[in-house]
PDB file of N, CA and C in Angstrom:
ATOM      1  N   MET A   1       1.234  -0.786   0.181  1.00  0.00           N
ATOM      2  CA  MET A   1      -0.064  -0.159  -0.240  1.00  0.00           C
ATOM      3  C   MET A   1       1.209   1.208   0.297  1.00  0.00           C
ATOM      4  N   ALA A   2       0.764   2.233  -0.742  1.00  0.00           N
ATOM      5  CA  ALA A   2       1.554   3.000  -1.028  1.00  0.00           C
ATOM      6  C   ALA A   2       1.399   4.277  -0.209  1.00  0.00           C
ATOM      7  N   GLY A   3      -0.205   4.257   0.141  1.00  0.00           N
ATOM      8  CA  GLY A   3      -0.478   5.112   0.901  1.00  0.00           C
ATOM      9  C   GLY A   3      -0.622   5.021   2.393  1.00  0.00           C
ATOM     10  N   TRP A   4       0.603   4.743   2.625  1.00  0.00           N
ATOM     11  CA  TRP A   4       0.812   3.466   4.626  1.00  0.00           C
ATOM     12  C   TRP A   4       1.067   5.010   5.302  1.00  0.00           C
ATOM     13  N   PRO A   5       1.734   6.113   4.470  1.00  0.00           N
ATOM     14  CA  PRO A   5       2.112   7.287   5.394  1.00  0.00           C
ATOM     15  C   PRO A   5       0.878   7.914   5.590  1.00  0.00           C
ATOM     16  N   TYR A   6      -0.124   8.395   4.449  1.00  0.00           N
ATOM     17  CA  TYR A   6      -0.614   8.795   4.885  1.00  0.00           C
ATOM     18  C   TYR A   6      -1.866   8.634   6.094  1.00  0.00           C
ATOM     19  N   LEU A   7      -1.815   7.144   5.587  1.00  0.00           N
ATOM     20  CA  LEU A   7      -2.644   6.272   6.810  1.00  0.00           C
ATOM     21  C   LEU A   7      -2.151   6.420   8.007  1.00  0.00           C
ATOM     22  N   VAL A   8      -0.978   6.383   8.691  1.00  0.00           N
ATOM     23  CA  VAL A   8      -0.764   6.292   9.637  1.00  0.00           C
ATOM     24  C   VAL A   8      -0.575   7.556  10.131  1.00  0.00           C
ATOM     25  N   ALA A   9      -0.527   8.757   9.759  1.00  0.00           N
ATOM     26  CA  ALA A   9      -0.374  10.205  10.198  1.00  0.00           C
ATOM     27  C   ALA A   9      -1.992  10.432  10.503  1.00  0.00           C
ATOM     28  N   GLY A  10      -3.097   9.895   9.955  1.00  0.00           N
ATOM     29  CA  GLY A  10      -4.720  10.279   9.692  1.00  0.00           C
ATOM     30  C   GLY A  10      -4.839   9.860  10.795  1.00  0.00           C
ATOM     31  N   VAL A  11      -4.564   8.598  11.754  1.00  0.00           N
ATOM     32  CA  VAL A  11      -4.789   7.590  12.861  1.00  0.00           C
ATOM     33  C   VAL A  11      -4.573   8.753  13.855  1.00  0.00           C
ATOM     34  N   LEU A  12      -2.980   8.656  13.476  1.00  0.00           N
ATOM     35  CA  LEU A  12      -2.483   9.092  14.179  1.00  0.00           C
ATOM     36  C   LEU A  12      -2.914  11.001  14.683  1.00  0.00           C
ATOM     37  N   THR A  13      -3.801  11.169  13.868  1.00  0.00           N
ATOM     38  CA  THR A  13      -4.190  12.959  14.180  1.00  0.00           C
ATOM     39  C   THR A  13      -5.832  12.434  14.687  1.00  0.00           C
ATOM     40  N   ILE A  14      -6.101  11.168  14.426  1.00  0.00           N
ATOM     41  CA  ILE A  14      -7.526  11.025  14.596  1.00  0.00           C
ATOM     42  C   ILE A  14      -7.738  11.060  16.333  1.00  0.00           C
ATOM     43  N   LEU A  15      -6.182  10.143  16.636  1.00  0.00           N
ATOM     44  CA  LEU A  15      -5.892   9.699  17.981  1.00  0.00           C
ATOM     45  C   LEU A  15      -5.957  10.859  19.077  1.00  0.00           C
ATOM     46  N   LEU A  16      -4.884  11.672  18.152  1.00  0.00           N
ATOM     47  CA  LEU A  16      -4.876  12.728  18.836  1.00  0.00           C
ATOM     48  C   LEU A  16      -5.589  14.202  19.282  1.00  0.00           C
ATOM     49  N   GLY A  17      -6.239  13.855  18.242  1.00  0.00           N
ATOM     50  CA  GLY A  17      -7.878  14.900  18.503  1.00  0.00           C
ATOM     51  C   GLY A  17      -8.792  14.308  19.509  1.00  0.00           C
ATOM     52  N   GLY A  18      -9.065  13.048  19.606  1.00  0.00           N
ATOM     53  CA  GLY A  18      -9.833  12.097  20.359  1.00  0.00           C
ATOM     54  C   GLY A  18      -9.269  12.665  21.963  1.00  0.00           C
ATOM     55  N   ALA A  19      -8.034  12.380  21.985  1.00  0.00           N
ATOM     56  CA  ALA A  19      -6.938  12.351  23.430  1.00  0.00           C
ATOM     57  C   ALA A  19      -7.299  14.382  23.903  1.00  0.00           C
ATOM     58  N   HIS A  20      -7.252  15.249  22.899  1.00  0.00           N
ATOM     59  CA  HIS A  20      -7.361  16.403  22.772  1.00  0.00           C
ATOM     60  C   HIS A  20      -8.712  17.035  23.282  1.00  0.00           C
ATOM     61  N   GLY A  21      -9.724  16.340  22.960  1.00  0.00           N
ATOM     62  CA  GLY A  21     -11.423  16.539  23.758  1.00  0.00           C
ATOM     63  C   GLY A  21     -11.389  15.553  25.057  1.00  0.00           C
ATOM     64  N   VAL A  22     -10.949  14.573  25.284  1.00  0.00           N
ATOM     65  CA  VAL A  22     -11.233  13.794  26.396  1.00  0.00           C
ATOM     66  C   VAL A  22     -10.527  14.478  27.394  1.00  0.00           C
ATOM     67  N   ILE A  23      -8.974  14.712  26.939  1.00  0.00           N
ATOM     68  CA  ILE A  23      -8.412  15.424  28.379  1.00  0.00           C
ATOM     69  C   ILE A  23      -8.422  16.108  28.652  1.00  0.00           C
ATOM     70  N   GLY A  24      -8.635  17.319  27.382  1.00  0.00           N
ATOM     71  CA  GLY A  24      -8.865  18.822  27.556  1.00  0.00           C
ATOM     72  C   GLY A  24     -10.457  18.897  28.691  1.00  0.00           C
ATOM     73  N   GLU A  25     -11.314  17.537  28.351  1.00  0.00           N
ATOM     74  CA  GLU A  25     -12.487  18.013  28.771  1.00  0.00           C
ATOM     75  C   GLU A  25     -12.327  18.145  30.431  1.00  0.00           C
ATOM     76  N   ARG A  26     -11.690  16.789  30.898  1.00  0.00           N
ATOM     77  CA  ARG A  26     -10.924  16.572  32.039  1.00  0.00           C
ATOM     78  C   ARG A  26     -10.050  17.220  32.685  1.00  0.00           C
ATOM     79  N   THR A  27      -9.694  18.081  32.352  1.00  0.00           N
ATOM     80  CA  THR A  27      -8.588  18.707  33.352  1.00  0.00           C
ATOM     81  C   THR A  27      -9.096  20.332  32.508  1.00  0.00           C
ATOM     82  N   PHE A  28      -8.555  20.504  31.579  1.00  0.00           N
ATOM     83  CA  PHE A  28      -8.591  22.116  31.523  1.00  0.00           C
ATOM     84  C   PHE A  28      -9.987  22.776  31.525  1.00  0.00           C
ATOM     85  N   LEU A  29     -10.910  22.459  30.907  1.00  0.00           N
ATOM     86  CA  LEU A  29     -12.266  22.582  30.676  1.00  0.00           C
ATOM     87  C   LEU A  29     -13.153  22.689  32.387  1.00  0.00           C
ATOM     88  N   ARG A  30     -12.620  21.582  32.939  1.00  0.00           N
ATOM     89  CA  ARG A  30     -12.840  21.470  34.047  1.00  0.00           C
ATOM     90  C   ARG A  30     -13.007  22.499  35.332  1.00  0.00           C
ATOM     91  N   ARG A  31     -11.213  22.770  35.302  1.00  0.00           N
ATOM     92  CA  ARG A  31     -10.868  24.345  36.026  1.00  0.00           C
ATOM     93  C   ARG A  31     -12.024  25.489  35.158  1.00  0.00           C
ATOM     94  N   VAL A  32     -12.198  25.550  33.884  1.00  0.00           N
ATOM     95  CA  VAL A  32     -12.456  26.707  33.381  1.00  0.00           C
ATOM     96  C   VAL A  32     -13.924  26.541  34.302  1.00  0.00           C
ATOM     97  N   ARG A  33     -14.448  25.673  34.102  1.00  0.00           N
ATOM     98  CA  ARG A  33     -16.361  25.748  34.755  1.00  0.00           C
ATOM     99  C   ARG A  33     -16.156  25.782  35.904  1.00  0.00           C
ATOM    100  N   ALA A  34     -15.139  25.294  36.722  1.00  0.00           N
ATOM    101  CA  ALA A  34     -14.876  25.612  38.148  1.00  0.00           C
ATOM    102  C   ALA A  34     -14.482  27.471  38.592  1.00  0.00           C
ATOM    103  N   SER A  35     -14.216  28.239  37.467  1.00  0.00           N
ATOM    104  CA  SER A  35     -13.654  29.598  37.257  1.00  0.00           C
ATOM    105  C   SER A  35     -14.888  30.752  38.141  1.00  0.00           C
ATOM    106  N   ALA A  36     -14.072  31.990  38.164  1.00  0.00           N
ATOM    107  CA  ALA A  36     -15.254  32.713  37.856  1.00  0.00           C
ATOM    108  C   ALA A  36     -15.280  33.121  36.954  1.00  0.00           C
ATOM    109  N   LEU A  37     -15.260  32.712  35.584  1.00  0.00           N
ATOM    110  CA  LEU A  37     -15.023  33.465  34.669  1.00  0.00           C
ATOM    111  C   LEU A  37     -16.779  33.577  34.256  1.00  0.00           C
ATOM    112  N   PRO A  38     -17.473  34.450  33.761  1.00  0.00           N
ATOM    113  CA  PRO A  38     -18.553  34.569  33.159  1.00  0.00           C
ATOM    114  C   PRO A  38     -18.879  33.676  32.466  1.00  0.00           C
ATOM    115  N   ARG A  39     -20.088  33.150  32.721  1.00  0.00           N
ATOM    116  CA  ARG A  39     -20.455  31.659  31.778  1.00  0.00           C
ATOM    117  C   ARG A  39     -20.651  31.833  30.246  1.00  0.00           C
ATOM    118  N   TYR A  40     -20.679  32.745  29.846  1.00  0.00           N
ATOM    119  CA  TYR A  40     -20.491  32.834  28.220  1.00  0.00           C
ATOM    120  C   TYR A  40     -19.149  32.990  27.888  1.00  0.00           C
ATOM    121  N   ASP A  41     -18.022  33.290  28.625  1.00  0.00           N
ATOM    122  CA  ASP A  41     -16.491  33.361  28.748  1.00  0.00           C
ATOM    123  C   ASP A  41     -16.413  31.682  28.597  1.00  0.00           C
ATOM    124  N   GLN A  42     -16.462  31.005  29.662  1.00  0.00           N
ATOM    125  CA  GLN A  42     -16.591  29.461  29.585  1.00  0.00           C
ATOM    126  C   GLN A  42     -17.119  28.927  28.745  1.00  0.00           C
ATOM    127  N   ARG A  43     -18.305  29.003  28.197  1.00  0.00           N
ATOM    128  CA  ARG A  43     -18.988  28.577  26.618  1.00  0.00           C
ATOM    129  C   ARG A  43     -18.394  28.910  25.474  1.00  0.00           C
ATOM    130  N   THR A  44     -17.658  29.758  25.482  1.00  0.00           N
ATOM    131  CA  THR A  44     -16.658  30.173  24.533  1.00  0.00           C
ATOM    132  C   THR A  44     -15.555  29.350  24.247  1.00  0.00           C
ATOM    133  N   LEU A  45     -14.919  29.436  25.370  1.00  0.00           N
ATOM    134  CA  LEU A  45     -13.556  28.463  25.587  1.00  0.00           C
ATOM    135  C   LEU A  45     -13.787  27.197  25.147  1.00  0.00           C
ATOM    136  N   ARG A  46     -15.083  26.585  25.712  1.00  0.00           N
ATOM    137  CA  ARG A  46     -15.179  24.707  25.438  1.00  0.00           C
ATOM    138  C   ARG A  46     -15.230  25.223  24.090  1.00  0.00           C
ATOM    139  N   LEU A  47     -16.409  25.793  23.489  1.00  0.00           N
ATOM    140  CA  LEU A  47     -16.446  26.053  21.973  1.00  0.00           C
ATOM    141  C   LEU A  47     -15.612  25.856  21.435  1.00  0.00           C
ATOM    142  N   VAL A  48     -14.439  26.991  21.580  1.00  0.00           N
ATOM    143  CA  VAL A  48     -13.635  27.103  20.681  1.00  0.00           C
ATOM    144  C   VAL A  48     -12.474  25.698  21.009  1.00  0.00           C
ATOM    145  N   TRP A  49     -12.241  24.873  22.177  1.00  0.00           N
ATOM    146  CA  TRP A  49     -11.809  23.369  22.353  1.00  0.00           C
ATOM    147  C   TRP A  49     -11.725  22.985  21.595  1.00  0.00           C
ATOM    148  N   HIS A  50     -13.159  22.486  21.364  1.00  0.00           N
ATOM    149  CA  HIS A  50     -13.609  21.211  20.638  1.00  0.00           C
ATOM    150  C   HIS A  50     -13.941  21.720  18.911  1.00  0.00           C
ATOM    151  N   LEU A  51     -13.765  22.887  18.608  1.00  0.00           N
ATOM    152  CA  LEU A  51     -13.371  23.476  17.930  1.00  0.00           C
ATOM    153  C   LEU A  51     -12.285  22.599  16.754  1.00  0.00           C
ATOM    154  N   PHE A  52     -11.385  22.660  17.585  1.00  0.00           N
ATOM    155  CA  PHE A  52     -10.189  22.260  17.148  1.00  0.00           C
ATOM    156  C   PHE A  52     -10.029  20.760  17.210  1.00  0.00           C
ATOM    157  N   THR A  53     -10.458  20.343  18.480  1.00  0.00           N
ATOM    158  CA  THR A  53     -11.004  18.879  18.442  1.00  0.00           C
ATOM    159  C   THR A  53     -11.512  17.865  17.704  1.00  0.00           C
ATOM    160  N   VAL A  54     -12.473  18.997  16.626  1.00  0.00           N
ATOM    161  CA  VAL A  54     -13.269  18.561  15.582  1.00  0.00           C
ATOM    162  C   VAL A  54     -12.475  18.680  14.178  1.00  0.00           C
ATOM    163  N   ALA A  55     -11.785  19.832  14.393  1.00  0.00           N
ATOM    164  CA  ALA A  55     -10.539  20.123  12.783  1.00  0.00           C
ATOM    165  C   ALA A  55      -9.429  19.072  12.972  1.00  0.00           C
ATOM    166  N   MET A  56      -9.284  18.197  14.231  1.00  0.00           N
ATOM    167  CA  MET A  56      -7.840  17.536  13.809  1.00  0.00           C
ATOM    168  C   MET A  56      -8.702  15.877  13.835  1.00  0.00           C
ATOM    169  N   VAL A  57      -9.693  15.668  14.226  1.00  0.00           N
ATOM    170  CA  VAL A  57     -10.464  14.439  13.623  1.00  0.00           C
ATOM    171  C   VAL A  57     -10.877  14.830  12.567  1.00  0.00           C
ATOM    172  N   VAL A  58     -11.249  15.448  11.592  1.00  0.00           N
ATOM    173  CA  VAL A  58     -11.563  15.553  10.284  1.00  0.00           C
ATOM    174  C   VAL A  58     -10.587  15.873   9.850  1.00  0.00           C
ATOM    175  N   THR A  59      -9.326  16.374  10.175  1.00  0.00           N
ATOM    176  CA  THR A  59      -7.942  16.367   8.870  1.00  0.00           C
ATOM    177  C   THR A  59      -7.599  14.679   8.670  1.00  0.00           C
ATOM    178  N   GLY A  60      -8.206  14.252  10.261  1.00  0.00           N
ATOM    179  CA  GLY A  60      -7.337  12.497  10.231  1.00  0.00           C
ATOM    180  C   GLY A  60      -7.893  11.729   9.347  1.00  0.00           C
ATOM    181  N   ALA A  61      -9.261  12.183   9.574  1.00  0.00           N
ATOM    182  CA  ALA A  61     -10.035  11.487   7.950  1.00  0.00           C
ATOM    183  C   ALA A  61      -9.851  11.617   7.074  1.00  0.00           C
ATOM    184  N   LEU A  62      -9.695  13.082   6.758  1.00  0.00           N
ATOM    185  CA  LEU A  62      -9.061  12.968   5.062  1.00  0.00           C
ATOM    186  C   LEU A  62      -8.222  12.221   5.268  1.00  0.00           C
ATOM    187  N   LEU A  63      -6.685  12.293   5.866  1.00  0.00           N
ATOM    188  CA  LEU A  63      -5.973  11.571   5.576  1.00  0.00           C
ATOM    189  C   LEU A  63      -6.418  10.121   5.419  1.00  0.00           C
ATOM    190  N   VAL A  64      -6.987   9.401   5.841  1.00  0.00           N
ATOM    191  CA  VAL A  64      -7.773   8.041   6.360  1.00  0.00           C
ATOM    192  C   VAL A  64      -7.642   7.788   4.734  1.00  0.00           C
ATOM    193  N   ALA A  65      -8.628   8.852   4.516  1.00  0.00           N
ATOM    194  CA  ALA A  65      -9.539   8.364   3.386  1.00  0.00           C
ATOM    195  C   ALA A  65      -8.539   8.344   1.732  1.00  0.00           C
ATOM    196  N   ILE A  66      -7.545  10.024   1.918  1.00  0.00           N
ATOM    197  CA  ILE A  66      -6.881   9.766   0.765  1.00  0.00           C
ATOM    198  C   ILE A  66      -5.307   8.381   0.805  1.00  0.00           C
ATOM    199  N   SER A  67      -5.370   8.075   1.775  1.00  0.00           N
ATOM    200  CA  SER A  67      -4.669   7.144   1.708  1.00  0.00           C
ATOM    201  C   SER A  67      -4.708   5.595   0.742  1.00  0.00           C
ATOM    202  N   THR A  68      -6.032   5.636   0.759  1.00  0.00           N
ATOM    203  CA  THR A  68      -7.208   4.633  -0.286  1.00  0.00           C
ATOM    204  C   THR A  68      -7.139   5.059  -1.115  1.00  0.00           C
ATOM    205  N   ALA A  69      -7.120   6.111  -1.741  1.00  0.00           N
ATOM    206  CA  ALA A  69      -7.905   6.862  -3.327  1.00  0.00           C
ATOM    207  C   ALA A  69      -6.419   7.121  -3.922  1.00  0.00           C
ATOM    208  N   ARG A  70      -6.597   7.445  -4.708  1.00  0.00           N
ATOM    209  CA  ARG A  70      -5.666   7.958  -5.870  1.00  0.00           C
ATOM    210  C   ARG A  70      -5.702   9.734  -6.404  1.00  0.00           C
ATOM    211  N   VAL A  71      -4.958   9.813  -5.120  1.00  0.00           N
ATOM    212  CA  VAL A  71      -5.350  11.733  -5.637  1.00  0.00           C
ATOM    213  C   VAL A  71      -3.817  12.257  -6.198  1.00  0.00           C
ATOM    214  N   ASP A  72      -4.027  13.694  -6.256  1.00  0.00           N
ATOM    215  CA  ASP A  72      -2.866  14.264  -6.381  1.00  0.00           C
ATOM    216  C   ASP A  72      -1.972  14.422  -5.018  1.00  0.00           C
ATOM    217  N   VAL A  73      -1.010  14.355  -4.862  1.00  0.00           N
ATOM    218  CA  VAL A  73       0.193  14.953  -3.961  1.00  0.00           C
ATOM    219  C   VAL A  73      -0.761  16.154  -3.291  1.00  0.00           C
ATOM    220  N   ALA A  74      -1.061  17.307  -4.137  1.00  0.00           N
ATOM    221  CA  ALA A  74      -0.723  18.228  -3.849  1.00  0.00           C
ATOM    222  C   ALA A  74      -1.786  18.172  -2.281  1.00  0.00           C
ATOM    223  N   ALA A  75      -3.232  16.984  -2.236  1.00  0.00           N
ATOM    224  CA  ALA A  75      -4.048  17.527  -1.397  1.00  0.00           C
ATOM    225  C   ALA A  75      -3.456  16.434  -0.123  1.00  0.00           C
ATOM    226  N   GLY A  76      -2.439  15.503   0.251  1.00  0.00           N
ATOM    227  CA  GLY A  76      -1.660  15.588   1.169  1.00  0.00           C
ATOM    228  C   GLY A  76      -1.093  16.668   1.799  1.00  0.00           C
ATOM    229  N   ARG A  77      -0.124  16.639   0.461  1.00  0.00           N
ATOM    230  CA  ARG A  77       0.831  18.403   1.141  1.00  0.00           C
ATOM    231  C   ARG A  77       0.107  19.354   1.561  1.00  0.00           C
ATOM    232  N   ALA A  78      -1.298  19.935   1.238  1.00  0.00           N
ATOM    233  CA  ALA A  78      -1.873  20.651   1.874  1.00  0.00           C
ATOM    234  C   ALA A  78      -2.270  20.079   2.971  1.00  0.00           C
ATOM    235  N   LEU A  79      -2.728  18.988   3.334  1.00  0.00           N
ATOM    236  CA  LEU A  79      -3.340  19.013   4.912  1.00  0.00           C
ATOM    237  C   LEU A  79      -2.189  18.701   5.624  1.00  0.00           C
ATOM    238  N   ALA A  80      -0.501  18.717   5.008  1.00  0.00           N
ATOM    239  CA  ALA A  80       0.465  18.348   5.776  1.00  0.00           C
ATOM    240  C   ALA A  80       1.161  19.999   6.239  1.00  0.00           C
ATOM    241  N   VAL A  81       0.575  20.950   5.988  1.00  0.00           N
ATOM    242  CA  VAL A  81       0.894  22.280   6.357  1.00  0.00           C
ATOM    243  C   VAL A  81      -0.124  22.240   7.060  1.00  0.00           C
ATOM    244  N   ILE A  82      -0.831  22.475   7.124  1.00  0.00           N
ATOM    245  CA  ILE A  82      -2.323  22.477   8.338  1.00  0.00           C
ATOM    246  C   ILE A  82      -1.603  21.722   9.610  1.00  0.00           C
ATOM    247  N   LEU A  83      -1.762  20.278   9.570  1.00  0.00           N
ATOM    248  CA  LEU A  83      -0.683  19.735  10.391  1.00  0.00           C
ATOM    249  C   LEU A  83       0.393  20.412  11.425  1.00  0.00           C
ATOM    250  N   GLY A  84       1.478  20.404  10.344  1.00  0.00           N
ATOM    251  CA  GLY A  84       2.335  21.368  10.575  1.00  0.00           C
ATOM    252  C   GLY A  84       2.726  22.971  11.729  1.00  0.00           C
ATOM    253  N   ALA A  85       1.549  23.523  10.849  1.00  0.00           N
ATOM    254  CA  ALA A  85       1.201  24.874  11.372  1.00  0.00           C
ATOM    255  C   ALA A  85       0.412  24.529  12.710  1.00  0.00           C
ATOM    256  N   TRP A  86      -0.336  23.542  13.149  1.00  0.00           N
ATOM    257  CA  TRP A  86      -1.067  23.576  14.157  1.00  0.00           C
ATOM    258  C   TRP A  86       0.404  23.312  15.075  1.00  0.00           C
ATOM    259  N   GLY A  87       1.013  22.260  14.718  1.00  0.00           N
ATOM    260  CA  GLY A  87       1.591  21.884  15.616  1.00  0.00           C
ATOM    261  C   GLY A  87       3.381  22.889  16.035  1.00  0.00           C
ATOM    262  N   VAL A  88       3.707  23.577  15.009  1.00  0.00           N
ATOM    263  CA  VAL A  88       4.428  24.710  15.413  1.00  0.00           C
ATOM    264  C   VAL A  88       3.881  25.937  16.293  1.00  0.00           C
ATOM    265  N   PHE A  89       3.236  26.106  16.146  1.00  0.00           N
ATOM    266  CA  PHE A  89       2.482  27.066  16.621  1.00  0.00           C
ATOM    267  C   PHE A  89       1.895  26.304  18.151  1.00  0.00           C
ATOM    268  N   PHE A  90       1.515  25.279  18.460  1.00  0.00           N
ATOM    269  CA  PHE A  90       1.714  24.763  19.685  1.00  0.00           C
ATOM    270  C   PHE A  90       2.584  24.667  20.053  1.00  0.00           C
ATOM    271  N   ALA A  91       3.873  24.281  19.867  1.00  0.00           N
ATOM    272  CA  ALA A  91       5.226  24.030  20.434  1.00  0.00           C
ATOM    273  C   ALA A  91       5.389  25.513  20.699  1.00  0.00           C
ATOM    274  N   VAL A  92       5.671  26.567  19.699  1.00  0.00           N
ATOM    275  CA  VAL A  92       5.978  28.153  20.156  1.00  0.00           C
ATOM    276  C   VAL A  92       4.938  28.123  21.279  1.00  0.00           C
ATOM    277  N   TYR A  93       4.020  28.124  21.310  1.00  0.00           N
ATOM    278  CA  TYR A  93       3.318  28.047  22.582  1.00  0.00           C
ATOM    279  C   TYR A  93       3.086  28.301  24.094  1.00  0.00           C
ATOM    280  N   VAL A  94       3.318  26.748  24.072  1.00  0.00           N
ATOM    281  CA  VAL A  94       4.088  25.880  24.941  1.00  0.00           C
ATOM    282  C   VAL A  94       5.153  26.329  25.661  1.00  0.00           C
ATOM    283  N   ALA A  95       6.529  26.564  24.402  1.00  0.00           N
ATOM    284  CA  ALA A  95       7.235  26.875  24.681  1.00  0.00           C
ATOM    285  C   ALA A  95       7.987  28.203  25.718  1.00  0.00           C
ATOM    286  N   ALA A  96       6.999  29.318  25.080  1.00  0.00           N
ATOM    287  CA  ALA A  96       6.851  30.649  25.794  1.00  0.00           C
ATOM    288  C   ALA A  96       6.620  30.691  27.643  1.00  0.00           C
ATOM    289  N   ILE A  97       5.445  29.230  27.211  1.00  0.00           N
ATOM    290  CA  ILE A  97       5.194  29.710  28.254  1.00  0.00           C
ATOM    291  C   ILE A  97       6.350  29.201  29.747  1.00  0.00           C
ATOM    292  N   ASP A  98       6.533  27.402  28.950  1.00  0.00           N
ATOM    293  CA  ASP A  98       7.405  26.850  30.112  1.00  0.00           C
ATOM    294  C   ASP A  98       8.467  25.930  28.985  1.00  0.00           C
ATOM    295  N   PRO A  99       9.700  26.078  27.929  1.00  0.00           N
ATOM    296  CA  PRO A  99      10.170  25.054  27.738  1.00  0.00           C
ATOM    297  C   PRO A  99      10.028  23.579  27.804  1.00  0.00           C
ATOM    298  N   ARG A 100      10.242  23.836  29.666  1.00  0.00           N
ATOM    299  CA  ARG A 100      10.065  22.157  30.239  1.00  0.00           C
ATOM    300  C   ARG A 100       8.378  21.317  29.639  1.00  0.00           C
ATOM    301  N   LEU A 101       7.568  22.165  29.234  1.00  0.00           N
ATOM    302  CA  LEU A 101       6.553  21.740  29.062  1.00  0.00           C
ATOM    303  C   LEU A 101       6.590  20.806  28.171  1.00  0.00           C
ATOM    304  N   LEU A 102       7.140  21.273  26.827  1.00  0.00           N
ATOM    305  CA  LEU A 102       7.249  20.631  26.110  1.00  0.00           C
ATOM    306  C   LEU A 102       8.007  18.917  26.219  1.00  0.00           C
ATOM    307  N   VAL A 103       8.372  18.777  26.961  1.00  0.00           N
ATOM    308  CA  VAL A 103       8.641  17.006  27.732  1.00  0.00           C
ATOM    309  C   VAL A 103       7.412  16.402  28.333  1.00  0.00           C
ATOM    310  N   ARG A 104       6.141  17.114  28.917  1.00  0.00           N
ATOM    311  CA  ARG A 104       5.506  17.325  29.515  1.00  0.00           C
ATOM    312  C   ARG A 104       3.978  16.788  28.201  1.00  0.00           C
ATOM    313  N   VAL A 105       4.262  17.376  27.493  1.00  0.00           N
ATOM    314  CA  VAL A 105       2.843  17.947  26.014  1.00  0.00           C
ATOM    315  C   VAL A 105       3.839  17.482  24.860  1.00  0.00           C
ATOM    316  N   PRO A 106       3.825  16.290  24.513  1.00  0.00           N
ATOM    317  CA  PRO A 106       4.202  15.634  23.481  1.00  0.00           C
ATOM    318  C   PRO A 106       2.983  16.298  21.625  1.00  0.00           C
ATOM    319  N   GLN A 107       1.692  16.715  22.211  1.00  0.00           N
ATOM    320  CA  GLN A 107       1.184  17.144  20.964  1.00  0.00           C
ATOM    321  C   GLN A 107       1.964  17.455  20.239  1.00  0.00           C
ATOM    322  N   PRO A 108       2.463  18.533  20.041  1.00  0.00           N
ATOM    323  CA  PRO A 108       2.657  19.429  19.064  1.00  0.00           C
ATOM    324  C   PRO A 108       4.282  18.633  18.365  1.00  0.00           C
ATOM    325  N   LEU A 109       4.733  17.992  19.160  1.00  0.00           N
ATOM    326  CA  LEU A 109       6.112  16.931  18.817  1.00  0.00           C
ATOM    327  C   LEU A 109       5.389  15.871  17.208  1.00  0.00           C
ATOM    328  N   LEU A 110       3.664  15.663  18.120  1.00  0.00           N
ATOM    329  CA  LEU A 110       3.174  14.129  17.320  1.00  0.00           C
ATOM    330  C   LEU A 110       2.596  15.168  15.838  1.00  0.00           C
ATOM    331  N   LEU A 111       2.306  16.168  15.740  1.00  0.00           N
ATOM    332  CA  LEU A 111       1.231  16.870  15.018  1.00  0.00           C
ATOM    333  C   LEU A 111       2.367  16.974  14.251  1.00  0.00           C
ATOM    334  N   MET A 112       3.383  17.344  14.219  1.00  0.00           N
ATOM    335  CA  MET A 112       4.625  17.955  13.772  1.00  0.00           C
ATOM    336  C   MET A 112       5.132  16.572  12.853  1.00  0.00           C
ATOM    337  N   GLY A 113       5.503  15.586  13.613  1.00  0.00           N
ATOM    338  CA  GLY A 113       5.263  13.875  13.155  1.00  0.00           C
ATOM    339  C   GLY A 113       4.627  13.372  11.773  1.00  0.00           C
ATOM    340  N   ALA A 114       2.996  13.725  12.533  1.00  0.00           N
ATOM    341  CA  ALA A 114       2.019  13.513  11.512  1.00  0.00           C
ATOM    342  C   ALA A 114       1.935  14.390  10.388  1.00  0.00           C
ATOM    343  N   ALA A 115       2.385  15.718  10.276  1.00  0.00           N
ATOM    344  CA  ALA A 115       2.862  16.690   9.014  1.00  0.00           C
ATOM    345  C   ALA A 115       3.850  16.099   8.177  1.00  0.00           C
ATOM    346  N   LEU A 116       4.788  15.589   8.879  1.00  0.00           N
ATOM    347  CA  LEU A 116       6.015  15.376   8.223  1.00  0.00           C
ATOM    348  C   LEU A 116       5.698  13.721   7.173  1.00  0.00           C
ATOM    349  N   LEU A 117       4.682  13.024   7.897  1.00  0.00           N
ATOM    350  CA  LEU A 117       4.468  11.319   7.381  1.00  0.00           C
ATOM    351  C   LEU A 117       3.306  12.367   6.121  1.00  0.00           C
ATOM    352  N   ALA A 118       2.359  13.034   6.272  1.00  0.00           N
ATOM    353  CA  ALA A 118       1.436  13.704   4.758  1.00  0.00           C
ATOM    354  C   ALA A 118       2.106  13.829   4.141  1.00  0.00           C
ATOM    355  N   TRP A 119       3.614  14.589   4.193  1.00  0.00           N
ATOM    356  CA  TRP A 119       4.349  15.564   3.485  1.00  0.00           C
ATOM    357  C   TRP A 119       4.634  14.408   2.462  1.00  0.00           C
ATOM    358  N   PHE A 120       5.354  13.606   3.494  1.00  0.00           N
ATOM    359  CA  PHE A 120       6.259  12.538   1.841  1.00  0.00           C
ATOM    360  C   PHE A 120       5.578  11.499   2.088  1.00  0.00           C
ATOM    361  N   GLY A 121       3.953  11.266   2.360  1.00  0.00           N
ATOM    362  CA  GLY A 121       3.193   9.972   2.187  1.00  0.00           C
ATOM    363  C   GLY A 121       3.192  10.690   0.631  1.00  0.00           C
ATOM    364  N   GLY A 122       2.722  11.111  -0.633  1.00  0.00           N
ATOM    365  CA  GLY A 122       2.582  11.117  -1.589  1.00  0.00           C
ATOM    366  C   GLY A 122       3.649  10.553  -2.642  1.00  0.00           C
ATOM    367  N   GLY A 123       5.384  10.898  -1.761  1.00  0.00           N
ATOM    368  CA  GLY A 123       5.960  10.418  -2.239  1.00  0.00           C
ATOM    369  C   GLY A 123       6.754  11.816  -3.234  1.00  0.00           C
ATOM    370  N   PRO A 124       8.010  11.330  -3.946  1.00  0.00           N
ATOM    371  CA  PRO A 124       8.593  12.531  -4.349  1.00  0.00           C
ATOM    372  C   PRO A 124       8.093  13.707  -4.857  1.00  0.00           C
TER     373      PRO A 124
END
């Protein structure tokens, strides 16, 4: 199967998206709900959090779909750019808070790994 890098990148991205939603709901969003923030702000944070969760799952599903189809390499590379941008943004943001967090929060590196797989999935 020539599209195995797309398949692996897609499955990894879907798993990251699922983990983002579940773990975020149990940790970060639980603290948001317990905070003194106005209810509107709490709902907005939850919406934005899960918007990214859905975006990751859909991107992963698209990668899985193109792993079995004959598509232009540009489609996989476009998704790779999206994943890479998310990973780089996330890594810079986390490193700006505390560079040691990159060891405890591996998602940026995993997103960049999925981006590399998607980028090279179509071949040269």
